[in-house]
């Protein structure tokens, strides 16, 4: 797999004002501001292959958006090497900018006071698209994003979910090879989110486009990403497949057992004591079962009760990421 993105020892520092701690410092700051260095991205390295859908995760302040802004050419790093599609992003060469798409969830690419279709026509001219390519691409995007009834509406009259579908259409209009999406589903309702997920999955497979997605929404990761990078305080704390993230950090499973009769009360009580956060009823119990006790628990289960139904689930990906931060 060819590397579309290659990042080596990337560092980005900002000068930020020091917080005054005394009355004297507050008065002094009126005339002379003291500054300190804040390292938002701290010596990170990774690669992204062609056609990959990468999730970039982390709490606020972890360095996600700063990294995206460097890769898309908005920011210049303090040090390190970055190559995207064989180009240095912050040089902002026209050839590079025409091959990428960028969407920030809190910024709009659309013009609010004109019809949605007029915004698409504006980007047709910006990207110098031929009439035949534009018509073909619009048919595809209109179908995948369900835009037909929205194209002749002013953008300001669209709901947030409808506008986000229009934003995604504009980003993918020129068939980019590399797309950066920063919180694209923030604040949209579940139905709109489902349409966005279906579109991103299909366009990724259809066009072979490489996508880097930052999100706080765990549904986005579970539905779209095969690989994730987790950042904490500007450092990479995990880089690998979502399944590996689960296997490495899932330390317990949630167990619900329904039964018709207890066959061995002593063995039953011993088994239930293996669980944490136990809730018990006459014909059921539930709790959290640690990884190291699973084999012994399931061996005791059929011997201690007449089983009616059992449900075993892993914690949500959000809980797994919280576990990573607790370890850090």
C-alpha atoms as a PDB file:
ATOM      1  CA  UNK A   1       0.000   0.000   0.000  1.00  0.00           C
ATOM      2  CA  UNK A   2       1.403   3.399  -1.048  1.00  0.00           C
ATOM      3  CA  UNK A   3       1.792   6.002   1.698  1.00  0.00           C
ATOM      4  CA  UNK A   4      -0.424   9.005   0.964  1.00  0.00           C
ATOM      5  CA  UNK A   5       0.610  10.679   4.237  1.00  0.00           C
ATOM      6  CA  UNK A   6       4.002  10.369   5.911  1.00  0.00           C
ATOM      7  CA  UNK A   7       4.634  12.181   9.201  1.00  0.00           C
ATOM      8  CA  UNK A   8       8.043  12.034  10.898  1.00  0.00           C
ATOM      9  CA  UNK A   9       8.787  13.569  14.330  1.00  0.00           C
ATOM     10  CA  UNK A  10       6.180  16.289  13.929  1.00  0.00           C
ATOM     11  CA  UNK A  11       6.257  19.076  16.548  1.00  0.00           C
ATOM     12  CA  UNK A  12       4.058  22.158  16.792  1.00  0.00           C
ATOM     13  CA  UNK A  13       4.552  24.754  19.523  1.00  0.00           C
ATOM     14  CA  UNK A  14       2.581  27.896  20.314  1.00  0.00           C
ATOM     15  CA  UNK A  15       3.488  30.862  22.459  1.00  0.00           C
ATOM     16  CA  UNK A  16       0.719  31.364  25.006  1.00  0.00           C
ATOM     17  CA  UNK A  17       0.374  34.024  27.710  1.00  0.00           C
ATOM     18  CA  UNK A  18       1.367  32.941  31.204  1.00  0.00           C
ATOM     19  CA  UNK A  19      -1.477  32.927  33.682  1.00  0.00           C
ATOM     20  CA  UNK A  20      -0.783  35.548  36.372  1.00  0.00           C
ATOM     21  CA  UNK A  21      -0.816  34.112  39.897  1.00  0.00           C
ATOM     22  CA  UNK A  22      -0.356  37.233  42.005  1.00  0.00           C
ATOM     23  CA  UNK A  23      -1.761  40.773  42.020  1.00  0.00           C
ATOM     24  CA  UNK A  24       1.647  42.124  41.003  1.00  0.00           C
ATOM     25  CA  UNK A  25       1.753  39.784  37.956  1.00  0.00           C
ATOM     26  CA  UNK A  26      -1.754  40.827  36.908  1.00  0.00           C
ATOM     27  CA  UNK A  27      -0.816  44.493  37.048  1.00  0.00           C
ATOM     28  CA  UNK A  28       2.461  43.812  35.232  1.00  0.00           C
ATOM     29  CA  UNK A  29       0.588  41.933  32.466  1.00  0.00           C
ATOM     30  CA  UNK A  30      -1.296  45.103  31.581  1.00  0.00           C
ATOM     31  CA  UNK A  31       1.995  46.581  30.363  1.00  0.00           C
ATOM     32  CA  UNK A  32       4.312  43.596  29.751  1.00  0.00           C
ATOM     33  CA  UNK A  33       2.906  40.189  28.833  1.00  0.00           C
ATOM     34  CA  UNK A  34       4.853  37.087  29.901  1.00  0.00           C
ATOM     35  CA  UNK A  35       4.745  34.162  27.497  1.00  0.00           C
ATOM     36  CA  UNK A  36       5.443  30.442  27.713  1.00  0.00           C
ATOM     37  CA  UNK A  37       5.728  27.673  25.130  1.00  0.00           C
ATOM     38  CA  UNK A  38       2.858  25.206  24.768  1.00  0.00           C
ATOM     39  CA  UNK A  39       3.623  22.052  22.743  1.00  0.00           C
ATOM     40  CA  UNK A  40       0.353  21.049  21.037  1.00  0.00           C
ATOM     41  CA  UNK A  41       1.926  18.255  18.950  1.00  0.00           C
ATOM     42  CA  UNK A  42       4.853  16.461  20.547  1.00  0.00           C
ATOM     43  CA  UNK A  43       7.117  14.416  18.241  1.00  0.00           C
ATOM     44  CA  UNK A  44       4.533  12.214  16.507  1.00  0.00           C
ATOM     45  CA  UNK A  45       5.173   9.913  13.556  1.00  0.00           C
ATOM     46  CA  UNK A  46       2.755   7.848  11.458  1.00  0.00           C
ATOM     47  CA  UNK A  47       1.839   6.933   7.895  1.00  0.00           C
ATOM     48  CA  UNK A  48      -1.516   6.601   6.132  1.00  0.00           C
ATOM     49  CA  UNK A  49      -1.937   4.341   3.115  1.00  0.00           C
ATOM     50  CA  UNK A  50      -3.925   4.924  -0.059  1.00  0.00           C
ATOM     51  CA  UNK A  51      -7.657   4.397   0.428  1.00  0.00           C
ATOM     52  CA  UNK A  52      -7.347   4.127   4.216  1.00  0.00           C
ATOM     53  CA  UNK A  53     -10.039   5.527   6.526  1.00  0.00           C
ATOM     54  CA  UNK A  54      -8.155   6.691   9.625  1.00  0.00           C
ATOM     55  CA  UNK A  55      -9.763   7.856  12.852  1.00  0.00           C
ATOM     56  CA  UNK A  56      -7.789  10.456  14.824  1.00  0.00           C
ATOM     57  CA  UNK A  57      -9.069  10.383  18.405  1.00  0.00           C
ATOM     58  CA  UNK A  58      -8.376  12.207  21.618  1.00  0.00           C
ATOM     59  CA  UNK A  59      -9.789  14.603  24.182  1.00  0.00           C
ATOM     60  CA  UNK A  60      -9.959  18.345  23.589  1.00  0.00           C
ATOM     61  CA  UNK A  61      -6.418  19.703  23.615  1.00  0.00           C
ATOM     62  CA  UNK A  62      -4.840  16.399  22.598  1.00  0.00           C
ATOM     63  CA  UNK A  63      -3.525  17.793  19.286  1.00  0.00           C
ATOM     64  CA  UNK A  64      -6.051  16.371  16.793  1.00  0.00           C
ATOM     65  CA  UNK A  65      -7.128  19.579  15.083  1.00  0.00           C
ATOM     66  CA  UNK A  66      -3.598  21.013  15.109  1.00  0.00           C
ATOM     67  CA  UNK A  67      -2.368  17.890  13.308  1.00  0.00           C
ATOM     68  CA  UNK A  68      -5.181  18.156  10.733  1.00  0.00           C
ATOM     69  CA  UNK A  69      -4.375  21.834  10.131  1.00  0.00           C
ATOM     70  CA  UNK A  70      -0.707  21.018   9.496  1.00  0.00           C
ATOM     71  CA  UNK A  71      -1.569  18.168   7.100  1.00  0.00           C
ATOM     72  CA  UNK A  72      -3.995  20.365   5.186  1.00  0.00           C
ATOM     73  CA  UNK A  73      -1.498  23.242   4.949  1.00  0.00           C
ATOM     74  CA  UNK A  74      -3.215  25.725   7.269  1.00  0.00           C
ATOM     75  CA  UNK A  75      -0.423  25.652   9.867  1.00  0.00           C
ATOM     76  CA  UNK A  76       3.363  25.380   9.570  1.00  0.00           C
ATOM     77  CA  UNK A  77       4.996  22.981  12.056  1.00  0.00           C
ATOM     78  CA  UNK A  78       7.766  23.963  14.439  1.00  0.00           C
ATOM     79  CA  UNK A  79       9.849  20.973  13.333  1.00  0.00           C
ATOM     80  CA  UNK A  80       9.528  17.573  11.686  1.00  0.00           C
ATOM     81  CA  UNK A  81       8.825  16.305   8.204  1.00  0.00           C
ATOM     82  CA  UNK A  82       5.433  15.869   6.542  1.00  0.00           C
ATOM     83  CA  UNK A  83       4.580  14.619   3.077  1.00  0.00           C
ATOM     84  CA  UNK A  84       0.997  14.433   1.762  1.00  0.00           C
ATOM     85  CA  UNK A  85       0.482  13.145  -1.781  1.00  0.00           C
ATOM     86  CA  UNK A  86       4.197  13.773  -2.265  1.00  0.00           C
ATOM     87  CA  UNK A  87       3.838  17.487  -1.391  1.00  0.00           C
ATOM     88  CA  UNK A  88       4.780  19.642   1.607  1.00  0.00           C
ATOM     89  CA  UNK A  89       1.319  20.848   2.725  1.00  0.00           C
ATOM     90  CA  UNK A  90       2.183  24.300   4.135  1.00  0.00           C
ATOM     91  CA  UNK A  91       3.749  25.381   0.845  1.00  0.00           C
ATOM     92  CA  UNK A  92       0.098  25.387  -0.349  1.00  0.00           C
ATOM     93  CA  UNK A  93       0.930  24.647  -3.952  1.00  0.00           C
ATOM     94  CA  UNK A  94      -2.141  24.878  -6.182  1.00  0.00           C
ATOM     95  CA  UNK A  95      -1.523  21.338  -7.432  1.00  0.00           C
ATOM     96  CA  UNK A  96      -1.777  20.014  -3.865  1.00  0.00           C
ATOM     97  CA  UNK A  97      -4.831  22.034  -2.854  1.00  0.00           C
ATOM     98  CA  UNK A  98      -6.754  20.780  -5.898  1.00  0.00           C
ATOM     99  CA  UNK A  99      -6.146  17.167  -4.820  1.00  0.00           C
ATOM    100  CA  UNK A 100      -7.438  17.467  -1.245  1.00  0.00           C
ATOM    101  CA  UNK A 101     -10.714  18.261   0.507  1.00  0.00           C
ATOM    102  CA  UNK A 102     -11.101  19.790   3.984  1.00  0.00           C
ATOM    103  CA  UNK A 103     -14.146  20.095   6.220  1.00  0.00           C
ATOM    104  CA  UNK A 104     -14.162  21.592   9.711  1.00  0.00           C
ATOM    105  CA  UNK A 105     -17.428  20.876  11.505  1.00  0.00           C
ATOM    106  CA  UNK A 106     -17.584  24.383  13.002  1.00  0.00           C
ATOM    107  CA  UNK A 107     -16.724  26.170   9.730  1.00  0.00           C
ATOM    108  CA  UNK A 108     -18.814  26.322   6.560  1.00  0.00           C
ATOM    109  CA  UNK A 109     -17.684  26.004   2.936  1.00  0.00           C
ATOM    110  CA  UNK A 110     -21.120  27.144   1.714  1.00  0.00           C
ATOM    111  CA  UNK A 111     -22.466  30.653   0.999  1.00  0.00           C
ATOM    112  CA  UNK A 112     -25.453  31.182   3.305  1.00  0.00           C
ATOM    113  CA  UNK A 113     -27.517  33.634   1.234  1.00  0.00           C
ATOM    114  CA  UNK A 114     -27.563  31.761  -2.085  1.00  0.00           C
ATOM    115  CA  UNK A 115     -29.057  28.438  -3.149  1.00  0.00           C
ATOM    116  CA  UNK A 116     -27.108  25.288  -2.342  1.00  0.00           C
ATOM    117  CA  UNK A 117     -26.648  24.531  -6.047  1.00  0.00           C
ATOM    118  CA  UNK A 118     -25.031  27.954  -6.570  1.00  0.00           C
ATOM    119  CA  UNK A 119     -22.356  27.020  -4.026  1.00  0.00           C
ATOM    120  CA  UNK A 120     -21.659  23.847  -5.988  1.00  0.00           C
ATOM    121  CA  UNK A 121     -21.365  25.879  -9.211  1.00  0.00           C
ATOM    122  CA  UNK A 122     -18.947  28.259  -7.475  1.00  0.00           C
ATOM    123  CA  UNK A 123     -16.686  25.338  -6.527  1.00  0.00           C
ATOM    124  CA  UNK A 124     -17.015  23.957 -10.064  1.00  0.00           C
ATOM    125  CA  UNK A 125     -15.314  27.149 -11.274  1.00  0.00           C
ATOM    126  CA  UNK A 126     -12.761  27.190  -8.434  1.00  0.00           C
ATOM    127  CA  UNK A 127     -11.640  23.639  -9.233  1.00  0.00           C
ATOM    128  CA  UNK A 128     -11.928  24.225 -13.009  1.00  0.00           C
ATOM    129  CA  UNK A 129     -14.184  21.209 -13.537  1.00  0.00           C
ATOM    130  CA  UNK A 130     -15.528  20.387 -17.006  1.00  0.00           C
ATOM    131  CA  UNK A 131     -19.298  20.445 -17.598  1.00  0.00           C
ATOM    132  CA  UNK A 132     -19.397  16.704 -18.236  1.00  0.00           C
ATOM    133  CA  UNK A 133     -17.410  15.834 -15.071  1.00  0.00           C
ATOM    134  CA  UNK A 134     -19.517  18.228 -12.969  1.00  0.00           C
ATOM    135  CA  UNK A 135     -22.823  16.827 -14.245  1.00  0.00           C
ATOM    136  CA  UNK A 136     -21.713  13.243 -13.668  1.00  0.00           C
ATOM    137  CA  UNK A 137     -20.379  14.007 -10.203  1.00  0.00           C
ATOM    138  CA  UNK A 138     -23.494  15.934  -9.187  1.00  0.00           C
ATOM    139  CA  UNK A 139     -25.740  13.028 -10.168  1.00  0.00           C
ATOM    140  CA  UNK A 140     -23.683  10.749  -7.922  1.00  0.00           C
ATOM    141  CA  UNK A 141     -23.523  13.140  -4.952  1.00  0.00           C
ATOM    142  CA  UNK A 142     -27.211  14.056  -5.230  1.00  0.00           C
ATOM    143  CA  UNK A 143     -28.127  10.377  -5.058  1.00  0.00           C
ATOM    144  CA  UNK A 144     -25.738   9.388  -2.271  1.00  0.00           C
ATOM    145  CA  UNK A 145     -26.463  12.422  -0.080  1.00  0.00           C
ATOM    146  CA  UNK A 146     -30.169  12.764  -0.927  1.00  0.00           C
ATOM    147  CA  UNK A 147     -29.740  16.378  -2.058  1.00  0.00           C
ATOM    148  CA  UNK A 148     -32.375  16.605  -4.806  1.00  0.00           C
ATOM    149  CA  UNK A 149     -34.927  18.533  -2.732  1.00  0.00           C
ATOM    150  CA  UNK A 150     -32.251  20.776  -1.194  1.00  0.00           C
ATOM    151  CA  UNK A 151     -30.367  22.125  -4.214  1.00  0.00           C
ATOM    152  CA  UNK A 152     -32.716  25.058  -4.851  1.00  0.00           C
ATOM    153  CA  UNK A 153     -33.059  26.094  -1.209  1.00  0.00           C
ATOM    154  CA  UNK A 154     -30.968  28.929   0.283  1.00  0.00           C
ATOM    155  CA  UNK A 155     -28.328  27.482   2.587  1.00  0.00           C
ATOM    156  CA  UNK A 156     -29.567  29.579   5.534  1.00  0.00           C
ATOM    157  CA  UNK A 157     -32.924  27.756   5.371  1.00  0.00           C
ATOM    158  CA  UNK A 158     -31.420  24.288   5.611  1.00  0.00           C
ATOM    159  CA  UNK A 159     -31.392  22.372   8.886  1.00  0.00           C
ATOM    160  CA  UNK A 160     -27.991  21.644  10.378  1.00  0.00           C
ATOM    161  CA  UNK A 161     -28.089  18.035   9.158  1.00  0.00           C
ATOM    162  CA  UNK A 162     -29.128  19.082   5.646  1.00  0.00           C
ATOM    163  CA  UNK A 163     -26.390  21.705   5.527  1.00  0.00           C
ATOM    164  CA  UNK A 164     -23.777  19.164   6.613  1.00  0.00           C
ATOM    165  CA  UNK A 165     -24.780  16.898   3.723  1.00  0.00           C
ATOM    166  CA  UNK A 166     -24.305  19.871   1.403  1.00  0.00           C
ATOM    167  CA  UNK A 167     -20.906  20.574   2.985  1.00  0.00           C
ATOM    168  CA  UNK A 168     -19.809  16.987   2.330  1.00  0.00           C
ATOM    169  CA  UNK A 169     -21.009  17.225  -1.277  1.00  0.00           C
ATOM    170  CA  UNK A 170     -18.843  20.313  -1.845  1.00  0.00           C
ATOM    171  CA  UNK A 171     -15.795  18.652  -0.226  1.00  0.00           C
ATOM    172  CA  UNK A 172     -16.043  15.585  -2.487  1.00  0.00           C
ATOM    173  CA  UNK A 173     -17.199  17.445  -5.628  1.00  0.00           C
ATOM    174  CA  UNK A 174     -13.824  17.513  -7.393  1.00  0.00           C
ATOM    175  CA  UNK A 175     -13.085  13.869  -6.511  1.00  0.00           C
ATOM    176  CA  UNK A 176     -10.179  14.584  -4.132  1.00  0.00           C
ATOM    177  CA  UNK A 177      -7.547  11.953  -3.413  1.00  0.00           C
ATOM    178  CA  UNK A 178      -7.181  12.941   0.252  1.00  0.00           C
ATOM    179  CA  UNK A 179      -9.851  14.357   2.567  1.00  0.00           C
ATOM    180  CA  UNK A 180      -9.577  15.746   6.107  1.00  0.00           C
ATOM    181  CA  UNK A 181     -12.788  15.763   8.149  1.00  0.00           C
ATOM    182  CA  UNK A 182     -12.698  17.505  11.525  1.00  0.00           C
ATOM    183  CA  UNK A 183     -15.801  16.663  13.605  1.00  0.00           C
ATOM    184  CA  UNK A 184     -18.159  16.321  10.590  1.00  0.00           C
ATOM    185  CA  UNK A 185     -21.078  14.876  12.610  1.00  0.00           C
ATOM    186  CA  UNK A 186     -20.926  17.253  15.574  1.00  0.00           C
ATOM    187  CA  UNK A 187     -24.415  18.361  16.583  1.00  0.00           C
ATOM    188  CA  UNK A 188     -26.421  16.504  13.911  1.00  0.00           C
ATOM    189  CA  UNK A 189     -29.377  14.244  14.616  1.00  0.00           C
ATOM    190  CA  UNK A 190     -29.163  10.405  14.407  1.00  0.00           C
ATOM    191  CA  UNK A 191     -31.022  10.173  11.070  1.00  0.00           C
ATOM    192  CA  UNK A 192     -28.714  12.701   9.381  1.00  0.00           C
ATOM    193  CA  UNK A 193     -25.715  10.981  10.953  1.00  0.00           C
ATOM    194  CA  UNK A 194     -26.788   7.659   9.441  1.00  0.00           C
ATOM    195  CA  UNK A 195     -26.918   9.247   5.960  1.00  0.00           C
ATOM    196  CA  UNK A 196     -23.468  10.776   6.487  1.00  0.00           C
ATOM    197  CA  UNK A 197     -22.044   7.394   7.573  1.00  0.00           C
ATOM    198  CA  UNK A 198     -23.501   5.610   4.528  1.00  0.00           C
ATOM    199  CA  UNK A 199     -22.158   8.284   2.192  1.00  0.00           C
ATOM    200  CA  UNK A 200     -18.634   8.312   3.639  1.00  0.00           C
ATOM    201  CA  UNK A 201     -18.407   4.521   3.590  1.00  0.00           C
ATOM    202  CA  UNK A 202     -19.542   4.291  -0.030  1.00  0.00           C
ATOM    203  CA  UNK A 203     -17.484   7.202  -1.374  1.00  0.00           C
ATOM    204  CA  UNK A 204     -14.360   5.832   0.345  1.00  0.00           C
ATOM    205  CA  UNK A 205     -14.805   2.476  -1.406  1.00  0.00           C
ATOM    206  CA  UNK A 206     -16.016   3.911  -4.732  1.00  0.00           C
ATOM    207  CA  UNK A 207     -13.328   6.594  -5.204  1.00  0.00           C
ATOM    208  CA  UNK A 208     -10.504   4.952  -3.238  1.00  0.00           C
ATOM    209  CA  UNK A 209     -10.156   8.283  -1.413  1.00  0.00           C
ATOM    210  CA  UNK A 210      -7.974   8.450   1.700  1.00  0.00           C
ATOM    211  CA  UNK A 211      -9.867   9.956   4.645  1.00  0.00           C
ATOM    212  CA  UNK A 212      -8.536  11.257   7.970  1.00  0.00           C
ATOM    213  CA  UNK A 213     -11.371  11.782  10.448  1.00  0.00           C
ATOM    214  CA  UNK A 214     -11.224  13.486  13.841  1.00  0.00           C
ATOM    215  CA  UNK A 215     -14.231  12.926  16.050  1.00  0.00           C
ATOM    216  CA  UNK A 216     -15.562  12.639  19.583  1.00  0.00           C
ATOM    217  CA  UNK A 217     -18.412  10.501  18.274  1.00  0.00           C
ATOM    218  CA  UNK A 218     -17.647   6.840  18.870  1.00  0.00           C
ATOM    219  CA  UNK A 219     -20.344   5.807  16.345  1.00  0.00           C
ATOM    220  CA  UNK A 220     -18.246   7.457  13.618  1.00  0.00           C
ATOM    221  CA  UNK A 221     -15.233   5.331  14.507  1.00  0.00           C
ATOM    222  CA  UNK A 222     -17.112   2.035  14.852  1.00  0.00           C
ATOM    223  CA  UNK A 223     -19.001   2.536  11.572  1.00  0.00           C
ATOM    224  CA  UNK A 224     -16.223   3.944   9.391  1.00  0.00           C
ATOM    225  CA  UNK A 225     -12.666   3.362  10.639  1.00  0.00           C
ATOM    226  CA  UNK A 226     -10.583   0.209  10.497  1.00  0.00           C
ATOM    227  CA  UNK A 227      -7.588   1.928  12.093  1.00  0.00           C
ATOM    228  CA  UNK A 228      -7.318   4.600  14.773  1.00  0.00           C
ATOM    229  CA  UNK A 229      -4.612   6.814  16.225  1.00  0.00           C
ATOM    230  CA  UNK A 230      -5.251   7.997  19.792  1.00  0.00           C
ATOM    231  CA  UNK A 231      -3.517  11.207  20.889  1.00  0.00           C
ATOM    232  CA  UNK A 232      -2.918  12.380  24.440  1.00  0.00           C
ATOM    233  CA  UNK A 233      -1.195  15.684  25.203  1.00  0.00           C
ATOM    234  CA  UNK A 234       0.198  15.806  21.698  1.00  0.00           C
ATOM    235  CA  UNK A 235       1.652  12.285  21.746  1.00  0.00           C
ATOM    236  CA  UNK A 236       0.521   9.085  20.027  1.00  0.00           C
ATOM    237  CA  UNK A 237      -0.590   6.623  22.723  1.00  0.00           C
ATOM    238  CA  UNK A 238      -2.127   4.067  20.357  1.00  0.00           C
ATOM    239  CA  UNK A 239      -1.865   3.396  16.628  1.00  0.00           C
ATOM    240  CA  UNK A 240      -3.489   0.296  15.175  1.00  0.00           C
ATOM    241  CA  UNK A 241      -6.705  -1.465  14.112  1.00  0.00           C
ATOM    242  CA  UNK A 242      -9.886  -0.873  16.102  1.00  0.00           C
ATOM    243  CA  UNK A 243      -9.998  -4.615  16.889  1.00  0.00           C
ATOM    244  CA  UNK A 244      -6.491  -4.452  18.404  1.00  0.00           C
ATOM    245  CA  UNK A 245      -7.529  -1.460  20.489  1.00  0.00           C
ATOM    246  CA  UNK A 246     -10.380  -3.544  21.874  1.00  0.00           C
ATOM    247  CA  UNK A 247      -8.285  -6.652  22.549  1.00  0.00           C
ATOM    248  CA  UNK A 248      -5.542  -4.644  24.278  1.00  0.00           C
ATOM    249  CA  UNK A 249      -7.692  -2.438  26.483  1.00  0.00           C
ATOM    250  CA  UNK A 250     -10.915  -4.412  27.038  1.00  0.00           C
ATOM    251  CA  UNK A 251     -10.359  -5.647  30.587  1.00  0.00           C
ATOM    252  CA  UNK A 252     -13.903  -6.780  31.339  1.00  0.00           C
ATOM    253  CA  UNK A 253     -17.188  -7.810  29.739  1.00  0.00           C
ATOM    254  CA  UNK A 254     -20.731  -7.067  30.859  1.00  0.00           C
ATOM    255  CA  UNK A 255     -22.593 -10.311  31.618  1.00  0.00           C
ATOM    256  CA  UNK A 256     -26.357 -10.816  32.048  1.00  0.00           C
ATOM    257  CA  UNK A 257     -27.496 -14.327  33.008  1.00  0.00           C
ATOM    258  CA  UNK A 258     -31.112 -15.514  33.279  1.00  0.00           C
ATOM    259  CA  UNK A 259     -31.792 -18.947  34.770  1.00  0.00           C
ATOM    260  CA  UNK A 260     -34.708 -21.153  35.813  1.00  0.00           C
ATOM    261  CA  UNK A 261     -33.114 -22.896  38.804  1.00  0.00           C
ATOM    262  CA  UNK A 262     -29.960 -22.946  40.954  1.00  0.00           C
ATOM    263  CA  UNK A 263     -28.445 -26.455  40.869  1.00  0.00           C
ATOM    264  CA  UNK A 264     -25.463 -25.886  43.183  1.00  0.00           C
ATOM    265  CA  UNK A 265     -25.893 -22.988  45.628  1.00  0.00           C
ATOM    266  CA  UNK A 266     -22.297 -23.032  46.893  1.00  0.00           C
ATOM    267  CA  UNK A 267     -20.872 -23.026  43.354  1.00  0.00           C
ATOM    268  CA  UNK A 268     -23.438 -20.388  42.341  1.00  0.00           C
ATOM    269  CA  UNK A 269     -22.361 -17.988  45.101  1.00  0.00           C
ATOM    270  CA  UNK A 270     -18.686 -18.547  44.267  1.00  0.00           C
ATOM    271  CA  UNK A 271     -19.388 -17.756  40.629  1.00  0.00           C
ATOM    272  CA  UNK A 272     -21.354 -14.565  41.350  1.00  0.00           C
ATOM    273  CA  UNK A 273     -18.516 -13.304  43.591  1.00  0.00           C
ATOM    274  CA  UNK A 274     -16.286 -13.247  40.508  1.00  0.00           C
ATOM    275  CA  UNK A 275     -18.326 -10.309  39.161  1.00  0.00           C
ATOM    276  CA  UNK A 276     -18.030  -6.626  39.986  1.00  0.00           C
ATOM    277  CA  UNK A 277     -20.985  -4.211  40.257  1.00  0.00           C
ATOM    278  CA  UNK A 278     -23.353  -7.153  40.722  1.00  0.00           C
ATOM    279  CA  UNK A 279     -27.123  -6.819  40.477  1.00  0.00           C
ATOM    280  CA  UNK A 280     -29.143  -9.898  41.505  1.00  0.00           C
ATOM    281  CA  UNK A 281     -32.751 -11.035  41.226  1.00  0.00           C
ATOM    282  CA  UNK A 282     -34.595 -14.290  41.830  1.00  0.00           C
ATOM    283  CA  UNK A 283     -33.934 -15.631  38.321  1.00  0.00           C
ATOM    284  CA  UNK A 284     -31.157 -13.395  37.007  1.00  0.00           C
ATOM    285  CA  UNK A 285     -27.917 -11.620  37.816  1.00  0.00           C
ATOM    286  CA  UNK A 286     -25.665  -9.185  36.027  1.00  0.00           C
ATOM    287  CA  UNK A 287     -22.223  -7.706  36.521  1.00  0.00           C
ATOM    288  CA  UNK A 288     -18.786  -7.014  35.074  1.00  0.00           C
ATOM    289  CA  UNK A 289     -16.516  -9.986  34.468  1.00  0.00           C
ATOM    290  CA  UNK A 290     -12.759  -9.409  34.258  1.00  0.00           C
ATOM    291  CA  UNK A 291     -10.801 -10.946  31.399  1.00  0.00           C
ATOM    292  CA  UNK A 292      -8.692 -13.214  33.599  1.00  0.00           C
ATOM    293  CA  UNK A 293     -11.748 -14.803  35.267  1.00  0.00           C
ATOM    294  CA  UNK A 294     -13.801 -15.523  32.171  1.00  0.00           C
ATOM    295  CA  UNK A 295     -12.707 -19.138  31.645  1.00  0.00           C
ATOM    296  CA  UNK A 296     -13.428 -20.169  35.259  1.00  0.00           C
ATOM    297  CA  UNK A 297     -16.746 -18.281  35.275  1.00  0.00           C
ATOM    298  CA  UNK A 298     -18.154 -19.978  32.178  1.00  0.00           C
ATOM    299  CA  UNK A 299     -16.958 -23.402  33.363  1.00  0.00           C
ATOM    300  CA  UNK A 300     -18.968 -22.942  36.601  1.00  0.00           C
ATOM    301  CA  UNK A 301     -22.042 -21.483  34.913  1.00  0.00           C
ATOM    302  CA  UNK A 302     -23.644 -24.614  33.459  1.00  0.00           C
ATOM    303  CA  UNK A 303     -22.840 -26.633  36.598  1.00  0.00           C
ATOM    304  CA  UNK A 304     -24.397 -24.123  38.997  1.00  0.00           C
ATOM    305  CA  UNK A 305     -27.649 -23.107  37.226  1.00  0.00           C
ATOM    306  CA  UNK A 306     -30.150 -24.257  34.633  1.00  0.00           C
ATOM    307  CA  UNK A 307     -29.446 -21.562  32.062  1.00  0.00           C
ATOM    308  CA  UNK A 308     -32.323 -19.791  30.331  1.00  0.00           C
ATOM    309  CA  UNK A 309     -30.540 -16.928  28.532  1.00  0.00           C
ATOM    310  CA  UNK A 310     -27.149 -15.192  28.601  1.00  0.00           C
ATOM    311  CA  UNK A 311     -25.878 -11.963  27.083  1.00  0.00           C
ATOM    312  CA  UNK A 312     -22.182 -11.001  27.031  1.00  0.00           C
ATOM    313  CA  UNK A 313     -21.146  -7.584  25.668  1.00  0.00           C
ATOM    314  CA  UNK A 314     -17.902  -5.628  25.444  1.00  0.00           C
ATOM    315  CA  UNK A 315     -17.716  -2.029  26.696  1.00  0.00           C
ATOM    316  CA  UNK A 316     -18.264   0.715  24.136  1.00  0.00           C
ATOM    317  CA  UNK A 317     -15.218   2.114  22.340  1.00  0.00           C
ATOM    318  CA  UNK A 318     -15.644   5.336  24.308  1.00  0.00           C
ATOM    319  CA  UNK A 319     -15.067   3.420  27.544  1.00  0.00           C
ATOM    320  CA  UNK A 320     -11.982   1.784  26.051  1.00  0.00           C
ATOM    321  CA  UNK A 321     -10.505   5.176  25.148  1.00  0.00           C
ATOM    322  CA  UNK A 322     -11.239   6.434  28.668  1.00  0.00           C
ATOM    323  CA  UNK A 323      -9.279   3.425  29.954  1.00  0.00           C
ATOM    324  CA  UNK A 324      -6.292   4.469  27.817  1.00  0.00           C
ATOM    325  CA  UNK A 325      -6.389   7.952  29.347  1.00  0.00           C
ATOM    326  CA  UNK A 326      -6.637   6.517  32.854  1.00  0.00           C
ATOM    327  CA  UNK A 327      -3.492   4.499  32.184  1.00  0.00           C
ATOM    328  CA  UNK A 328      -1.716   7.630  30.933  1.00  0.00           C
END
